[in-house]
Amino acid sequence: MTPDEEKVLKAMKDIGKPVRPGDVAEATGIDSKEVSKIIASLKKLELVDSPKRCYYAPK
């Protein structure tokens, strides 16, 4: 896992509820488009789930 992936996953866990990529971008300081790419890769690793459209949460 890359440092940015770890940062995004940690931010999602810290927020504690399903979040949009923009919320994670605000919390981490990483660009929103980049956060979306990172979330996609975390989904492939099965570390992130999407409980509803456009919202993501760590598993």
N, C-alpha and C. Protein backbone atom coordinates (compact mmCIF):
# COMPACT_ATOMS: atom_id res chain seq x y z
N MET A 1 0.84 -1.19 0.00
CA MET A 1 0.00 0.00 0.00
C MET A 1 0.88 1.25 0.00
N THR A 2 0.51 2.24 -0.79
CA THR A 2 1.29 3.47 -0.86
C THR A 2 1.00 4.35 0.35
N PRO A 3 1.87 5.30 0.65
CA PRO A 3 1.61 6.22 1.77
C PRO A 3 0.29 6.98 1.60
N ASP A 4 -0.03 7.39 0.37
CA ASP A 4 -1.29 8.11 0.15
C ASP A 4 -2.50 7.21 0.40
N GLU A 5 -2.39 5.93 0.00
CA GLU A 5 -3.48 4.99 0.26
C GLU A 5 -3.70 4.82 1.76
N GLU A 6 -2.58 4.72 2.50
CA GLU A 6 -2.68 4.60 3.96
C GLU A 6 -3.32 5.85 4.56
N LYS A 7 -2.93 7.02 4.06
CA LYS A 7 -3.46 8.29 4.54
C LYS A 7 -4.98 8.38 4.31
N VAL A 8 -5.42 7.99 3.11
CA VAL A 8 -6.84 8.03 2.76
C VAL A 8 -7.63 7.05 3.62
N LEU A 9 -7.12 5.83 3.78
CA LEU A 9 -7.80 4.82 4.57
C LEU A 9 -7.90 5.26 6.03
N LYS A 10 -6.83 5.83 6.57
CA LYS A 10 -6.84 6.31 7.95
C LYS A 10 -7.86 7.43 8.12
N ALA A 11 -7.90 8.36 7.16
CA ALA A 11 -8.86 9.46 7.24
C ALA A 11 -10.29 8.93 7.23
N MET A 12 -10.54 7.93 6.39
CA MET A 12 -11.88 7.34 6.32
C MET A 12 -12.26 6.69 7.65
N LYS A 13 -11.30 6.00 8.26
CA LYS A 13 -11.56 5.37 9.56
C LYS A 13 -11.78 6.43 10.63
N ASP A 14 -11.00 7.50 10.61
CA ASP A 14 -11.12 8.57 11.61
C ASP A 14 -12.46 9.28 11.51
N ILE A 15 -12.97 9.48 10.29
CA ILE A 15 -14.25 10.15 10.11
C ILE A 15 -15.38 9.29 10.67
N GLY A 16 -15.26 7.97 10.50
CA GLY A 16 -16.16 7.05 11.16
C GLY A 16 -17.54 6.85 10.56
N LYS A 17 -17.74 7.35 9.36
CA LYS A 17 -19.01 7.13 8.67
C LYS A 17 -18.73 7.12 7.17
N PRO A 18 -19.66 6.62 6.36
CA PRO A 18 -19.41 6.65 4.90
C PRO A 18 -19.17 8.08 4.42
N VAL A 19 -18.16 8.25 3.59
CA VAL A 19 -17.75 9.58 3.14
C VAL A 19 -17.67 9.65 1.62
N ARG A 20 -17.72 10.87 1.10
CA ARG A 20 -17.50 11.11 -0.33
C ARG A 20 -16.02 11.43 -0.51
N PRO A 21 -15.51 11.23 -1.73
CA PRO A 21 -14.10 11.54 -1.98
C PRO A 21 -13.73 12.98 -1.59
N GLY A 22 -14.64 13.91 -1.80
CA GLY A 22 -14.37 15.31 -1.44
C GLY A 22 -14.13 15.50 0.05
N ASP A 23 -14.86 14.73 0.88
CA ASP A 23 -14.66 14.81 2.33
C ASP A 23 -13.27 14.33 2.71
N VAL A 24 -12.84 13.24 2.07
CA VAL A 24 -11.51 12.69 2.34
C VAL A 24 -10.44 13.66 1.84
N ALA A 25 -10.68 14.28 0.69
CA ALA A 25 -9.72 15.25 0.14
C ALA A 25 -9.54 16.41 1.13
N GLU A 26 -10.63 16.88 1.70
CA GLU A 26 -10.57 17.97 2.68
C GLU A 26 -9.76 17.54 3.91
N ALA A 27 -10.00 16.33 4.38
CA ALA A 27 -9.34 15.84 5.59
C ALA A 27 -7.85 15.57 5.39
N THR A 28 -7.47 15.17 4.17
CA THR A 28 -6.07 14.77 3.93
C THR A 28 -5.24 15.82 3.22
N GLY A 29 -5.89 16.73 2.51
CA GLY A 29 -5.16 17.70 1.72
C GLY A 29 -4.74 17.17 0.36
N ILE A 30 -5.20 15.96 0.03
CA ILE A 30 -4.90 15.37 -1.28
C ILE A 30 -6.01 15.81 -2.24
N ASP A 31 -5.65 16.07 -3.50
CA ASP A 31 -6.61 16.50 -4.50
C ASP A 31 -7.76 15.50 -4.64
N SER A 32 -8.97 16.01 -4.82
CA SER A 32 -10.18 15.19 -4.88
C SER A 32 -10.12 14.11 -5.96
N LYS A 33 -9.60 14.47 -7.14
CA LYS A 33 -9.50 13.49 -8.24
C LYS A 33 -8.54 12.37 -7.87
N GLU A 34 -7.45 12.74 -7.20
CA GLU A 34 -6.48 11.74 -6.76
C GLU A 34 -7.09 10.83 -5.70
N VAL A 35 -7.88 11.40 -4.80
CA VAL A 35 -8.57 10.60 -3.77
C VAL A 35 -9.49 9.58 -4.43
N SER A 36 -10.20 9.99 -5.47
CA SER A 36 -11.09 9.06 -6.18
C SER A 36 -10.31 7.88 -6.75
N LYS A 37 -9.12 8.15 -7.32
CA LYS A 37 -8.28 7.08 -7.87
C LYS A 37 -7.81 6.15 -6.74
N ILE A 38 -7.42 6.74 -5.62
CA ILE A 38 -6.94 5.95 -4.48
C ILE A 38 -8.06 5.07 -3.94
N ILE A 39 -9.26 5.63 -3.82
CA ILE A 39 -10.40 4.85 -3.34
C ILE A 39 -10.68 3.68 -4.29
N ALA A 40 -10.57 3.91 -5.59
CA ALA A 40 -10.77 2.84 -6.56
C ALA A 40 -9.76 1.72 -6.35
N SER A 41 -8.51 2.08 -6.10
CA SER A 41 -7.50 1.04 -5.88
C SER A 41 -7.73 0.34 -4.54
N LEU A 42 -8.21 1.06 -3.52
CA LEU A 42 -8.51 0.43 -2.24
C LEU A 42 -9.70 -0.53 -2.37
N LYS A 43 -10.65 -0.19 -3.26
CA LYS A 43 -11.78 -1.10 -3.51
C LYS A 43 -11.28 -2.39 -4.14
N LYS A 44 -10.32 -2.29 -5.07
CA LYS A 44 -9.75 -3.48 -5.70
C LYS A 44 -9.04 -4.36 -4.67
N LEU A 45 -8.43 -3.73 -3.67
CA LEU A 45 -7.76 -4.46 -2.59
C LEU A 45 -8.76 -4.97 -1.55
N GLU A 46 -10.03 -4.65 -1.75
CA GLU A 46 -11.13 -5.02 -0.86
C GLU A 46 -10.97 -4.45 0.56
N LEU A 47 -10.42 -3.24 0.64
CA LEU A 47 -10.27 -2.56 1.93
C LEU A 47 -11.37 -1.52 2.13
N VAL A 48 -12.06 -1.18 1.03
CA VAL A 48 -13.09 -0.15 1.07
C VAL A 48 -14.35 -0.70 0.42
N ASP A 49 -15.49 -0.30 0.99
CA ASP A 49 -16.79 -0.74 0.49
C ASP A 49 -17.61 0.50 0.14
N SER A 50 -18.61 0.35 -0.71
CA SER A 50 -19.49 1.45 -1.05
C SER A 50 -20.91 1.12 -0.59
N PRO A 51 -21.29 1.59 0.62
CA PRO A 51 -22.62 1.27 1.15
C PRO A 51 -23.75 1.92 0.36
N LYS A 52 -23.49 3.07 -0.24
CA LYS A 52 -24.47 3.70 -1.13
C LYS A 52 -23.71 4.50 -2.19
N ARG A 53 -24.40 4.85 -3.24
CA ARG A 53 -23.76 5.51 -4.39
C ARG A 53 -22.95 6.74 -3.98
N CYS A 54 -21.71 6.78 -4.43
CA CYS A 54 -20.79 7.90 -4.20
C CYS A 54 -20.31 8.05 -2.75
N TYR A 55 -20.61 7.10 -1.92
CA TYR A 55 -20.12 7.12 -0.53
C TYR A 55 -19.26 5.87 -0.31
N TYR A 56 -18.20 6.03 0.47
CA TYR A 56 -17.27 4.92 0.69
C TYR A 56 -16.96 4.81 2.16
N ALA A 57 -16.71 3.58 2.59
CA ALA A 57 -16.36 3.32 3.99
C ALA A 57 -15.34 2.20 4.05
N PRO A 58 -14.44 2.25 5.03
CA PRO A 58 -13.49 1.14 5.16
C PRO A 58 -14.22 -0.11 5.62
N LYS A 59 -13.75 -1.27 5.19
CA LYS A 59 -14.37 -2.54 5.61
C LYS A 59 -13.95 -2.89 7.00
